[in-house]
Amino acid sequence: MKDPAKFTKVAIVSFATVTTLYVALAFMGAKLYGPAVNAQITLSMPPHLLVTKLALWATVLTPMTKYALEFAPFAIQLDHNLPTSSGSRTRRIIRGGVGSILLLVILALALTVPYFHHVLGLTGSLVSVAICIIMPCTFYIKIFQGEVQKPFLLLNLGLIILAYLLGVVGTVSSSKALIQTMKAATHHT
C-alpha cells in the first residue's frame, strides 16, 4: 500500500463488503430455493448452467488451497533443514516431491477411510475459523498493542469470541454427524 495508515479502513471496508455479499447471497438462495434446498448448495443449482460448473470447480479447488496453507509451515521447515550445499533446483524438486506425496497420502486416506469427510469437517471448522478470523484479529491486536483504539479493540475481541463459538459449534455439529453416520452404518450391518 502506498499509505499504510489506511490499512485499517481498507480492511474494514473489505470485510464489510464481503460480509454484505455473503448475507445477500444467503438470503437470495433461501428465497430462491426455500425449504427444498439441499445440504450442499451446489446440489441445488441447475446442472446445465456454466455458473454451476464454475461453482463446482471452486468447491473442488478450495480444499486444495487450504491444504497448501496448512502444509506451508512444513515446507518452510523442510527447506531450512535441507543442506545449504544443495542447489535451488534440487530444493524445489524435494519440496515439490514431498508436497505431492503428502497430497497423495491425503487422497488415499480420503478414498480408503470411511467417513473421512466428517473427520475433515471436524478439523476443518475449527482450523478454518482460526486461520480466517481468530489469528488475524489476534495478530492485529498484538501488532498494534497500545495503539488500537478501544472500539476497534472491542470489535476484534468480539470477532475472536464469535469465531471461537462458531468453530466450537461447527466442531460439535461435525462430531454429531460423524457419530450419527457411524451408528447408522452399524445398524445396517
N, C-alpha and C. Protein backbone atom coordinates (compact mmCIF):
# COMPACT_ATOMS: atom_id res chain seq x y z
N MET A 1 0.84 -1.18 0.00
CA MET A 1 0.00 0.00 0.00
C MET A 1 0.88 1.24 0.00
N LYS A 2 0.42 2.24 -0.71
CA LYS A 2 1.16 3.50 -0.71
C LYS A 2 1.09 4.17 0.65
N ASP A 3 -0.09 4.11 1.26
CA ASP A 3 -0.26 4.75 2.57
C ASP A 3 -0.70 3.68 3.58
N PRO A 4 0.25 3.10 4.33
CA PRO A 4 -0.10 2.04 5.28
C PRO A 4 -1.07 2.49 6.37
N ALA A 5 -1.20 3.76 6.59
CA ALA A 5 -2.12 4.25 7.62
C ALA A 5 -3.57 3.97 7.25
N LYS A 6 -3.83 3.75 5.97
CA LYS A 6 -5.21 3.49 5.51
C LYS A 6 -5.57 2.01 5.57
N PHE A 7 -4.64 1.18 6.04
CA PHE A 7 -4.89 -0.26 6.05
C PHE A 7 -6.14 -0.63 6.84
N THR A 8 -6.31 -0.03 8.02
CA THR A 8 -7.45 -0.37 8.87
C THR A 8 -8.76 -0.06 8.15
N LYS A 9 -8.84 1.10 7.52
CA LYS A 9 -10.05 1.47 6.79
C LYS A 9 -10.31 0.51 5.63
N VAL A 10 -9.25 0.19 4.90
CA VAL A 10 -9.39 -0.73 3.78
C VAL A 10 -9.84 -2.10 4.26
N ALA A 11 -9.28 -2.58 5.35
CA ALA A 11 -9.66 -3.89 5.89
C ALA A 11 -11.13 -3.88 6.33
N ILE A 12 -11.56 -2.82 7.01
CA ILE A 12 -12.94 -2.75 7.48
C ILE A 12 -13.90 -2.71 6.30
N VAL A 13 -13.60 -1.89 5.30
CA VAL A 13 -14.47 -1.80 4.12
C VAL A 13 -14.50 -3.14 3.39
N SER A 14 -13.36 -3.79 3.26
CA SER A 14 -13.29 -5.09 2.57
C SER A 14 -14.12 -6.14 3.30
N PHE A 15 -13.92 -6.26 4.61
CA PHE A 15 -14.68 -7.25 5.37
C PHE A 15 -16.17 -6.94 5.36
N ALA A 16 -16.53 -5.67 5.46
CA ALA A 16 -17.95 -5.29 5.43
C ALA A 16 -18.57 -5.62 4.08
N THR A 17 -17.84 -5.36 3.01
CA THR A 17 -18.34 -5.66 1.66
C THR A 17 -18.55 -7.16 1.48
N VAL A 18 -17.55 -7.95 1.86
CA VAL A 18 -17.65 -9.40 1.71
C VAL A 18 -18.78 -9.95 2.57
N THR A 19 -18.89 -9.48 3.80
CA THR A 19 -19.96 -9.94 4.69
C THR A 19 -21.32 -9.60 4.11
N THR A 20 -21.48 -8.38 3.59
CA THR A 20 -22.74 -7.98 2.98
C THR A 20 -23.08 -8.86 1.78
N LEU A 21 -22.08 -9.14 0.95
CA LEU A 21 -22.32 -10.01 -0.22
C LEU A 21 -22.74 -11.42 0.21
N TYR A 22 -22.07 -11.97 1.23
CA TYR A 22 -22.41 -13.31 1.71
C TYR A 22 -23.82 -13.36 2.29
N VAL A 23 -24.17 -12.35 3.07
CA VAL A 23 -25.51 -12.32 3.67
C VAL A 23 -26.56 -12.17 2.57
N ALA A 24 -26.30 -11.29 1.60
CA ALA A 24 -27.25 -11.12 0.49
C ALA A 24 -27.39 -12.42 -0.30
N LEU A 25 -26.30 -13.10 -0.55
CA LEU A 25 -26.34 -14.37 -1.27
C LEU A 25 -27.13 -15.42 -0.48
N ALA A 26 -26.94 -15.44 0.83
CA ALA A 26 -27.67 -16.40 1.66
C ALA A 26 -29.17 -16.14 1.59
N PHE A 27 -29.57 -14.89 1.70
CA PHE A 27 -30.99 -14.57 1.63
C PHE A 27 -31.58 -14.86 0.25
N MET A 28 -30.81 -14.53 -0.79
CA MET A 28 -31.30 -14.82 -2.15
C MET A 28 -31.43 -16.33 -2.37
N GLY A 29 -30.47 -17.08 -1.87
CA GLY A 29 -30.54 -18.54 -2.00
C GLY A 29 -31.73 -19.11 -1.25
N ALA A 30 -31.97 -18.60 -0.04
CA ALA A 30 -33.12 -19.07 0.74
C ALA A 30 -34.42 -18.71 0.04
N LYS A 31 -34.48 -17.52 -0.54
CA LYS A 31 -35.69 -17.08 -1.25
C LYS A 31 -35.88 -17.90 -2.53
N LEU A 32 -34.82 -18.18 -3.22
CA LEU A 32 -34.89 -18.90 -4.48
C LEU A 32 -35.27 -20.37 -4.28
N TYR A 33 -34.62 -21.03 -3.32
CA TYR A 33 -34.82 -22.47 -3.14
C TYR A 33 -35.79 -22.81 -2.02
N GLY A 34 -35.94 -21.96 -1.05
CA GLY A 34 -36.86 -22.22 0.05
C GLY A 34 -36.42 -23.42 0.86
N PRO A 35 -37.38 -24.15 1.43
CA PRO A 35 -37.01 -25.28 2.29
C PRO A 35 -36.50 -26.50 1.51
N ALA A 36 -36.61 -26.46 0.19
CA ALA A 36 -36.17 -27.61 -0.60
C ALA A 36 -34.68 -27.57 -0.91
N VAL A 37 -33.95 -26.64 -0.30
CA VAL A 37 -32.53 -26.54 -0.57
C VAL A 37 -31.79 -27.77 -0.01
N ASN A 38 -30.81 -28.22 -0.77
CA ASN A 38 -30.00 -29.36 -0.33
C ASN A 38 -28.94 -28.90 0.66
N ALA A 39 -28.35 -29.86 1.35
CA ALA A 39 -27.32 -29.54 2.33
C ALA A 39 -26.12 -28.86 1.68
N GLN A 40 -25.78 -29.25 0.47
CA GLN A 40 -24.71 -28.59 -0.27
C GLN A 40 -25.35 -27.74 -1.35
N ILE A 41 -25.05 -26.48 -1.36
CA ILE A 41 -25.69 -25.54 -2.28
C ILE A 41 -25.46 -25.92 -3.74
N THR A 42 -24.32 -26.53 -4.03
CA THR A 42 -24.03 -26.90 -5.42
C THR A 42 -24.99 -27.97 -5.92
N LEU A 43 -25.58 -28.76 -5.03
CA LEU A 43 -26.55 -29.78 -5.45
C LEU A 43 -27.89 -29.17 -5.80
N SER A 44 -28.15 -27.96 -5.34
CA SER A 44 -29.41 -27.29 -5.62
C SER A 44 -29.36 -26.45 -6.89
N MET A 45 -28.18 -26.27 -7.44
CA MET A 45 -28.04 -25.43 -8.62
C MET A 45 -28.38 -26.20 -9.88
N PRO A 46 -28.93 -25.52 -10.90
CA PRO A 46 -29.26 -26.21 -12.16
C PRO A 46 -28.00 -26.77 -12.81
N PRO A 47 -27.97 -28.06 -13.11
CA PRO A 47 -26.74 -28.70 -13.57
C PRO A 47 -26.25 -28.25 -14.95
N HIS A 48 -27.11 -27.69 -15.78
CA HIS A 48 -26.73 -27.36 -17.15
C HIS A 48 -26.09 -25.97 -17.30
N LEU A 49 -26.09 -25.16 -16.24
CA LEU A 49 -25.56 -23.80 -16.34
C LEU A 49 -24.04 -23.77 -16.13
N LEU A 50 -23.40 -22.83 -16.81
CA LEU A 50 -21.96 -22.64 -16.67
C LEU A 50 -21.61 -22.20 -15.25
N VAL A 51 -22.46 -21.40 -14.64
CA VAL A 51 -22.22 -20.92 -13.27
C VAL A 51 -22.14 -22.11 -12.30
N THR A 52 -22.98 -23.11 -12.52
CA THR A 52 -22.95 -24.30 -11.67
C THR A 52 -21.63 -25.02 -11.80
N LYS A 53 -21.16 -25.16 -13.03
CA LYS A 53 -19.88 -25.83 -13.24
C LYS A 53 -18.73 -25.05 -12.59
N LEU A 54 -18.77 -23.72 -12.69
CA LEU A 54 -17.75 -22.90 -12.03
C LEU A 54 -17.81 -23.05 -10.51
N ALA A 55 -19.03 -23.08 -9.97
CA ALA A 55 -19.18 -23.24 -8.51
C ALA A 55 -18.66 -24.61 -8.07
N LEU A 56 -18.92 -25.65 -8.86
CA LEU A 56 -18.42 -26.98 -8.51
C LEU A 56 -16.90 -27.01 -8.52
N TRP A 57 -16.29 -26.39 -9.53
CA TRP A 57 -14.83 -26.38 -9.58
C TRP A 57 -14.25 -25.54 -8.46
N ALA A 58 -14.92 -24.46 -8.09
CA ALA A 58 -14.46 -23.66 -6.95
C ALA A 58 -14.53 -24.48 -5.68
N THR A 59 -15.57 -25.31 -5.57
CA THR A 59 -15.72 -26.18 -4.41
C THR A 59 -14.60 -27.22 -4.36
N VAL A 60 -14.19 -27.69 -5.52
CA VAL A 60 -13.11 -28.68 -5.59
C VAL A 60 -11.76 -28.03 -5.27
N LEU A 61 -11.55 -26.81 -5.77
CA LEU A 61 -10.24 -26.16 -5.61
C LEU A 61 -10.03 -25.57 -4.22
N THR A 62 -11.10 -25.22 -3.52
CA THR A 62 -10.96 -24.60 -2.20
C THR A 62 -10.18 -25.47 -1.21
N PRO A 63 -10.50 -26.77 -1.07
CA PRO A 63 -9.71 -27.59 -0.14
C PRO A 63 -8.23 -27.68 -0.51
N MET A 64 -7.96 -27.63 -1.83
CA MET A 64 -6.55 -27.69 -2.23
C MET A 64 -5.78 -26.48 -1.71
N THR A 65 -6.41 -25.31 -1.76
CA THR A 65 -5.73 -24.12 -1.24
C THR A 65 -5.59 -24.21 0.28
N LYS A 66 -6.58 -24.83 0.93
CA LYS A 66 -6.50 -24.99 2.38
C LYS A 66 -5.33 -25.90 2.75
N TYR A 67 -5.14 -26.98 1.99
CA TYR A 67 -4.01 -27.87 2.26
C TYR A 67 -2.69 -27.15 2.02
N ALA A 68 -2.64 -26.33 0.98
CA ALA A 68 -1.41 -25.59 0.70
C ALA A 68 -1.06 -24.68 1.88
N LEU A 69 -2.07 -24.03 2.46
CA LEU A 69 -1.83 -23.18 3.63
C LEU A 69 -1.35 -23.99 4.82
N GLU A 70 -1.95 -25.15 5.01
CA GLU A 70 -1.59 -25.97 6.16
C GLU A 70 -0.22 -26.64 6.00
N PHE A 71 0.19 -26.89 4.75
CA PHE A 71 1.48 -27.52 4.52
C PHE A 71 2.61 -26.52 4.40
N ALA A 72 2.30 -25.23 4.29
CA ALA A 72 3.35 -24.22 4.11
C ALA A 72 4.37 -24.24 5.24
N PRO A 73 3.96 -24.30 6.52
CA PRO A 73 4.99 -24.36 7.58
C PRO A 73 5.88 -25.59 7.47
N PHE A 74 5.30 -26.71 7.06
CA PHE A 74 6.08 -27.93 6.89
C PHE A 74 7.11 -27.74 5.77
N ALA A 75 6.68 -27.14 4.66
CA ALA A 75 7.58 -26.92 3.53
C ALA A 75 8.69 -25.95 3.90
N ILE A 76 8.37 -24.91 4.67
CA ILE A 76 9.39 -23.95 5.09
C ILE A 76 10.41 -24.62 6.00
N GLN A 77 9.92 -25.43 6.93
CA GLN A 77 10.83 -26.14 7.84
C GLN A 77 11.70 -27.12 7.07
N LEU A 78 11.11 -27.81 6.11
CA LEU A 78 11.88 -28.74 5.28
C LEU A 78 12.96 -27.99 4.52
N ASP A 79 12.61 -26.82 3.98
CA ASP A 79 13.56 -26.01 3.23
C ASP A 79 14.73 -25.57 4.11
N HIS A 80 14.45 -25.22 5.36
CA HIS A 80 15.51 -24.81 6.28
C HIS A 80 16.40 -25.97 6.69
N ASN A 81 15.86 -27.18 6.70
CA ASN A 81 16.64 -28.35 7.12
C ASN A 81 17.42 -29.00 6.00
N LEU A 82 17.17 -28.60 4.76
CA LEU A 82 17.94 -29.16 3.65
C LEU A 82 19.37 -28.61 3.70
N PRO A 83 20.32 -29.39 3.27
CA PRO A 83 21.70 -28.90 3.30
C PRO A 83 21.86 -27.65 2.44
N THR A 84 22.68 -26.73 2.90
CA THR A 84 22.89 -25.49 2.16
C THR A 84 23.65 -25.73 0.86
N SER A 85 24.32 -26.87 0.77
CA SER A 85 25.08 -27.17 -0.44
C SER A 85 24.18 -27.56 -1.62
N SER A 86 22.93 -27.95 -1.34
CA SER A 86 22.03 -28.34 -2.44
C SER A 86 21.56 -27.09 -3.17
N GLY A 87 21.46 -27.21 -4.47
CA GLY A 87 21.07 -26.07 -5.31
C GLY A 87 19.58 -25.76 -5.19
N SER A 88 19.21 -24.61 -5.73
CA SER A 88 17.80 -24.19 -5.63
C SER A 88 16.89 -25.14 -6.41
N ARG A 89 17.39 -25.67 -7.53
CA ARG A 89 16.58 -26.61 -8.32
C ARG A 89 16.34 -27.90 -7.52
N THR A 90 17.35 -28.40 -6.86
CA THR A 90 17.22 -29.61 -6.04
C THR A 90 16.25 -29.37 -4.89
N ARG A 91 16.35 -28.21 -4.27
CA ARG A 91 15.44 -27.87 -3.16
C ARG A 91 13.99 -27.84 -3.65
N ARG A 92 13.77 -27.23 -4.81
CA ARG A 92 12.41 -27.17 -5.36
C ARG A 92 11.87 -28.55 -5.67
N ILE A 93 12.71 -29.40 -6.22
CA ILE A 93 12.28 -30.77 -6.55
C ILE A 93 11.92 -31.53 -5.28
N ILE A 94 12.75 -31.40 -4.25
CA ILE A 94 12.47 -32.10 -2.98
C ILE A 94 11.19 -31.57 -2.36
N ARG A 95 11.04 -30.24 -2.29
CA ARG A 95 9.82 -29.66 -1.70
C ARG A 95 8.58 -30.07 -2.49
N GLY A 96 8.68 -30.01 -3.82
CA GLY A 96 7.54 -30.40 -4.66
C GLY A 96 7.21 -31.87 -4.51
N GLY A 97 8.23 -32.70 -4.45
CA GLY A 97 8.01 -34.14 -4.29
C GLY A 97 7.37 -34.48 -2.95
N VAL A 98 7.88 -33.87 -1.87
CA VAL A 98 7.31 -34.12 -0.55
C VAL A 98 5.88 -33.62 -0.47
N GLY A 99 5.63 -32.41 -1.01
CA GLY A 99 4.26 -31.87 -1.02
C GLY A 99 3.31 -32.75 -1.81
N SER A 100 3.76 -33.24 -2.96
CA SER A 100 2.93 -34.12 -3.78
C SER A 100 2.65 -35.44 -3.07
N ILE A 101 3.65 -35.98 -2.41
CA ILE A 101 3.46 -37.23 -1.67
C ILE A 101 2.45 -37.03 -0.54
N LEU A 102 2.55 -35.92 0.18
CA LEU A 102 1.60 -35.64 1.25
C LEU A 102 0.17 -35.52 0.72
N LEU A 103 0.01 -34.83 -0.41
CA LEU A 103 -1.33 -34.72 -1.00
C LEU A 103 -1.85 -36.08 -1.45
N LEU A 104 -0.98 -36.92 -1.99
CA LEU A 104 -1.40 -38.27 -2.40
C LEU A 104 -1.79 -39.12 -1.19
N VAL A 105 -1.07 -38.94 -0.08
CA VAL A 105 -1.43 -39.66 1.15
C VAL A 105 -2.81 -39.23 1.63
N ILE A 106 -3.08 -37.93 1.58
CA ILE A 106 -4.40 -37.43 1.98
C ILE A 106 -5.48 -37.96 1.05
N LEU A 107 -5.20 -37.99 -0.25
CA LEU A 107 -6.16 -38.54 -1.21
C LEU A 107 -6.41 -40.01 -0.92
N ALA A 108 -5.35 -40.77 -0.66
CA ALA A 108 -5.52 -42.19 -0.33
C ALA A 108 -6.35 -42.36 0.93
N LEU A 109 -6.11 -41.54 1.93
CA LEU A 109 -6.91 -41.60 3.16
C LEU A 109 -8.38 -41.29 2.87
N ALA A 110 -8.59 -40.27 2.05
CA ALA A 110 -9.97 -39.88 1.74
C ALA A 110 -10.71 -40.99 1.02
N LEU A 111 -9.99 -41.75 0.19
CA LEU A 111 -10.65 -42.81 -0.57
C LEU A 111 -10.80 -44.10 0.22
N THR A 112 -9.96 -44.31 1.21
CA THR A 112 -9.98 -45.59 1.92
C THR A 112 -10.62 -45.54 3.30
N VAL A 113 -10.49 -44.41 4.00
CA VAL A 113 -11.02 -44.32 5.35
C VAL A 113 -12.49 -43.92 5.28
N PRO A 114 -13.37 -44.72 5.87
CA PRO A 114 -14.78 -44.36 5.84
C PRO A 114 -15.02 -43.09 6.66
N TYR A 115 -15.96 -42.28 6.20
CA TYR A 115 -16.37 -41.05 6.89
C TYR A 115 -15.25 -40.02 6.96
N PHE A 116 -14.34 -40.05 6.01
CA PHE A 116 -13.22 -39.12 6.01
C PHE A 116 -13.71 -37.68 5.92
N HIS A 117 -14.81 -37.47 5.18
CA HIS A 117 -15.32 -36.10 5.05
C HIS A 117 -15.82 -35.56 6.39
N HIS A 118 -16.31 -36.44 7.25
CA HIS A 118 -16.71 -35.98 8.59
C HIS A 118 -15.49 -35.62 9.44
N VAL A 119 -14.44 -36.41 9.28
CA VAL A 119 -13.21 -36.11 10.03
C VAL A 119 -12.64 -34.77 9.56
N LEU A 120 -12.66 -34.54 8.25
CA LEU A 120 -12.19 -33.25 7.74
C LEU A 120 -13.07 -32.12 8.23
N GLY A 121 -14.37 -32.36 8.30
CA GLY A 121 -15.28 -31.35 8.83
C GLY A 121 -14.98 -31.04 10.28
N LEU A 122 -14.62 -32.07 11.02
CA LEU A 122 -14.26 -31.90 12.42
C LEU A 122 -13.07 -30.96 12.57
N THR A 123 -12.02 -31.26 11.84
CA THR A 123 -10.82 -30.43 11.96
C THR A 123 -10.96 -29.12 11.20
N GLY A 124 -11.66 -29.17 10.09
CA GLY A 124 -11.76 -28.00 9.22
C GLY A 124 -12.52 -26.84 9.81
N SER A 125 -13.58 -27.11 10.55
CA SER A 125 -14.38 -26.00 11.05
C SER A 125 -13.59 -25.14 12.02
N LEU A 126 -12.91 -25.77 12.94
CA LEU A 126 -12.14 -25.01 13.92
C LEU A 126 -10.88 -24.40 13.29
N VAL A 127 -10.21 -25.16 12.42
CA VAL A 127 -8.98 -24.67 11.80
C VAL A 127 -9.29 -23.51 10.85
N SER A 128 -10.34 -23.64 10.05
CA SER A 128 -10.69 -22.56 9.11
C SER A 128 -11.05 -21.28 9.84
N VAL A 129 -11.84 -21.40 10.88
CA VAL A 129 -12.21 -20.21 11.66
C VAL A 129 -10.97 -19.61 12.31
N ALA A 130 -10.09 -20.45 12.79
CA ALA A 130 -8.87 -19.94 13.43
C ALA A 130 -7.99 -19.21 12.42
N ILE A 131 -7.83 -19.77 11.24
CA ILE A 131 -6.96 -19.16 10.22
C ILE A 131 -7.58 -17.89 9.66
N CYS A 132 -8.89 -17.89 9.45
CA CYS A 132 -9.53 -16.76 8.78
C CYS A 132 -9.93 -15.62 9.70
N ILE A 133 -10.24 -15.90 10.95
CA ILE A 133 -10.76 -14.84 11.82
C ILE A 133 -9.93 -14.68 13.09
N ILE A 134 -9.78 -15.76 13.85
CA ILE A 134 -9.14 -15.65 15.16
C ILE A 134 -7.70 -15.16 15.05
N MET A 135 -6.91 -15.79 14.21
CA MET A 135 -5.50 -15.42 14.11
C MET A 135 -5.29 -13.99 13.58
N PRO A 136 -5.97 -13.57 12.49
CA PRO A 136 -5.76 -12.19 12.05
C PRO A 136 -6.15 -11.15 13.11
N CYS A 137 -7.26 -11.36 13.78
CA CYS A 137 -7.68 -10.42 14.83
C CYS A 137 -6.69 -10.40 15.98
N THR A 138 -6.23 -11.57 16.38
CA THR A 138 -5.26 -11.66 17.47
C THR A 138 -3.95 -10.98 17.09
N PHE A 139 -3.48 -11.24 15.86
CA PHE A 139 -2.23 -10.62 15.42
C PHE A 139 -2.38 -9.11 15.31
N TYR A 140 -3.54 -8.64 14.85
CA TYR A 140 -3.77 -7.20 14.75
C TYR A 140 -3.67 -6.56 16.14
N ILE A 141 -4.32 -7.20 17.10
CA ILE A 141 -4.27 -6.67 18.47
C ILE A 141 -2.83 -6.69 19.00
N LYS A 142 -2.11 -7.76 18.72
CA LYS A 142 -0.74 -7.90 19.23
C LYS A 142 0.21 -6.91 18.54
N ILE A 143 0.09 -6.78 17.22
CA ILE A 143 1.00 -5.90 16.47
C ILE A 143 0.79 -4.43 16.86
N PHE A 144 -0.46 -4.05 16.99
CA PHE A 144 -0.77 -2.65 17.29
C PHE A 144 -1.13 -2.45 18.76
N GLN A 145 -0.53 -3.26 19.61
CA GLN A 145 -0.79 -3.18 21.05
C GLN A 145 -0.48 -1.78 21.56
N GLY A 146 -1.42 -1.20 22.27
CA GLY A 146 -1.24 0.15 22.78
C GLY A 146 -1.69 1.23 21.82
N GLU A 147 -1.76 0.92 20.52
CA GLU A 147 -2.19 1.90 19.51
C GLU A 147 -3.66 1.71 19.11
N VAL A 148 -4.20 0.53 19.36
CA VAL A 148 -5.56 0.22 18.93
C VAL A 148 -6.56 0.99 19.78
N GLN A 149 -7.46 1.69 19.09
CA GLN A 149 -8.49 2.43 19.81
C GLN A 149 -9.46 1.43 20.43
N LYS A 150 -10.10 1.83 21.50
CA LYS A 150 -10.96 0.93 22.27
C LYS A 150 -12.09 0.31 21.42
N PRO A 151 -12.78 1.09 20.53
CA PRO A 151 -13.83 0.45 19.71
C PRO A 151 -13.29 -0.68 18.83
N PHE A 152 -12.09 -0.46 18.24
CA PHE A 152 -11.51 -1.49 17.39
C PHE A 152 -11.03 -2.68 18.21
N LEU A 153 -10.54 -2.41 19.39
CA LEU A 153 -10.13 -3.50 20.28
C LEU A 153 -11.34 -4.35 20.66
N LEU A 154 -12.44 -3.69 21.01
CA LEU A 154 -13.67 -4.42 21.36
C LEU A 154 -14.22 -5.17 20.15
N LEU A 155 -14.16 -4.55 18.97
CA LEU A 155 -14.61 -5.22 17.75
C LEU A 155 -13.80 -6.49 17.50
N ASN A 156 -12.49 -6.38 17.59
CA ASN A 156 -11.63 -7.55 17.37
C ASN A 156 -11.85 -8.62 18.42
N LEU A 157 -11.98 -8.21 19.68
CA LEU A 157 -12.24 -9.20 20.74
C LEU A 157 -13.60 -9.86 20.53
N GLY A 158 -14.60 -9.09 20.10
CA GLY A 158 -15.92 -9.66 19.81
C GLY A 158 -15.85 -10.64 18.66
N LEU A 159 -15.08 -10.30 17.62
CA LEU A 159 -14.91 -11.23 16.48
C LEU A 159 -14.20 -12.51 16.90
N ILE A 160 -13.20 -12.38 17.77
CA ILE A 160 -12.48 -13.56 18.26
C ILE A 160 -13.44 -14.47 19.02
N ILE A 161 -14.25 -13.89 19.90
CA ILE A 161 -15.20 -14.69 20.69
C ILE A 161 -16.24 -15.33 19.78
N LEU A 162 -16.78 -14.55 18.83
CA LEU A 162 -17.78 -15.08 17.90
C LEU A 162 -17.19 -16.21 17.05
N ALA A 163 -15.98 -16.00 16.54
CA ALA A 163 -15.33 -17.02 15.72
C ALA A 163 -15.06 -18.29 16.53
N TYR A 164 -14.64 -18.12 17.76
CA TYR A 164 -14.41 -19.28 18.62
C TYR A 164 -15.70 -20.05 18.81
N LEU A 165 -16.79 -19.34 19.08
CA LEU A 165 -18.09 -20.01 19.26
C LEU A 165 -18.52 -20.71 17.98
N LEU A 166 -18.33 -20.06 16.83
CA LEU A 166 -18.69 -20.69 15.56
C LEU A 166 -17.84 -21.94 15.30
N GLY A 167 -16.56 -21.86 15.64
CA GLY A 167 -15.69 -23.03 15.48
C GLY A 167 -16.13 -24.18 16.36
N VAL A 168 -16.50 -23.87 17.59
CA VAL A 168 -16.97 -24.92 18.52
C VAL A 168 -18.28 -25.52 18.02
N VAL A 169 -19.21 -24.66 17.57
CA VAL A 169 -20.49 -25.16 17.06
C VAL A 169 -20.27 -26.03 15.83
N GLY A 170 -19.37 -25.60 14.92
CA GLY A 170 -19.07 -26.41 13.74
C GLY A 170 -18.44 -27.73 14.10
N THR A 171 -17.55 -27.72 15.07
CA THR A 171 -16.90 -28.96 15.51
C THR A 171 -17.91 -29.90 16.16
N VAL A 172 -18.78 -29.35 16.99
CA VAL A 172 -19.80 -30.19 17.66
C VAL A 172 -20.76 -30.78 16.64
N SER A 173 -21.20 -29.95 15.68
CA SER A 173 -22.14 -30.47 14.67
C SER A 173 -21.47 -31.52 13.79
N SER A 174 -20.20 -31.33 13.45
CA SER A 174 -19.48 -32.35 12.67
C SER A 174 -19.32 -33.63 13.48
N SER A 175 -19.07 -33.49 14.77
CA SER A 175 -18.95 -34.67 15.64
C SER A 175 -20.26 -35.43 15.69
N LYS A 176 -21.37 -34.71 15.84
CA LYS A 176 -22.68 -35.36 15.87
C LYS A 176 -22.97 -36.07 14.56
N ALA A 177 -22.65 -35.41 13.44
CA ALA A 177 -22.88 -36.02 12.13
C ALA A 177 -22.04 -37.29 11.97
N LEU A 178 -20.81 -37.26 12.43
CA LEU A 178 -19.94 -38.43 12.36
C LEU A 178 -20.51 -39.57 13.21
N ILE A 179 -20.93 -39.27 14.42
CA ILE A 179 -21.48 -40.29 15.31
C ILE A 179 -22.76 -40.87 14.73
N GLN A 180 -23.64 -40.01 14.19
CA GLN A 180 -24.88 -40.50 13.61
C GLN A 180 -24.61 -41.38 12.39
N THR A 181 -23.67 -40.99 11.57
CA THR A 181 -23.33 -41.79 10.39
C THR A 181 -22.76 -43.14 10.80
N MET A 182 -21.91 -43.15 11.82
CA MET A 182 -21.33 -44.41 12.29
C MET A 182 -22.39 -45.31 12.89
N LYS A 183 -23.34 -44.72 13.65
CA LYS A 183 -24.44 -45.52 14.22
C LYS A 183 -25.31 -46.10 13.12
N ALA A 184 -25.61 -45.29 12.12
CA ALA A 184 -26.45 -45.76 11.01
C ALA A 184 -25.77 -46.89 10.25
N ALA A 185 -24.46 -46.78 10.10
CA ALA A 185 -23.71 -47.82 9.39
C ALA A 185 -23.69 -49.12 10.19
N THR A 186 -23.59 -49.04 11.51
CA THR A 186 -23.55 -50.25 12.32
C THR A 186 -24.92 -50.91 12.38
N HIS A 187 -25.99 -50.13 12.27
CA HIS A 187 -27.34 -50.70 12.29
C HIS A 187 -27.67 -51.43 10.98
N HIS A 188 -27.03 -50.99 9.88
CA HIS A 188 -27.28 -51.62 8.57
C HIS A 188 -26.50 -52.91 8.38
N THR A 189 -25.48 -53.12 9.19
CA THR A 189 -24.66 -54.33 9.00
C THR A 189 -25.05 -55.43 9.94
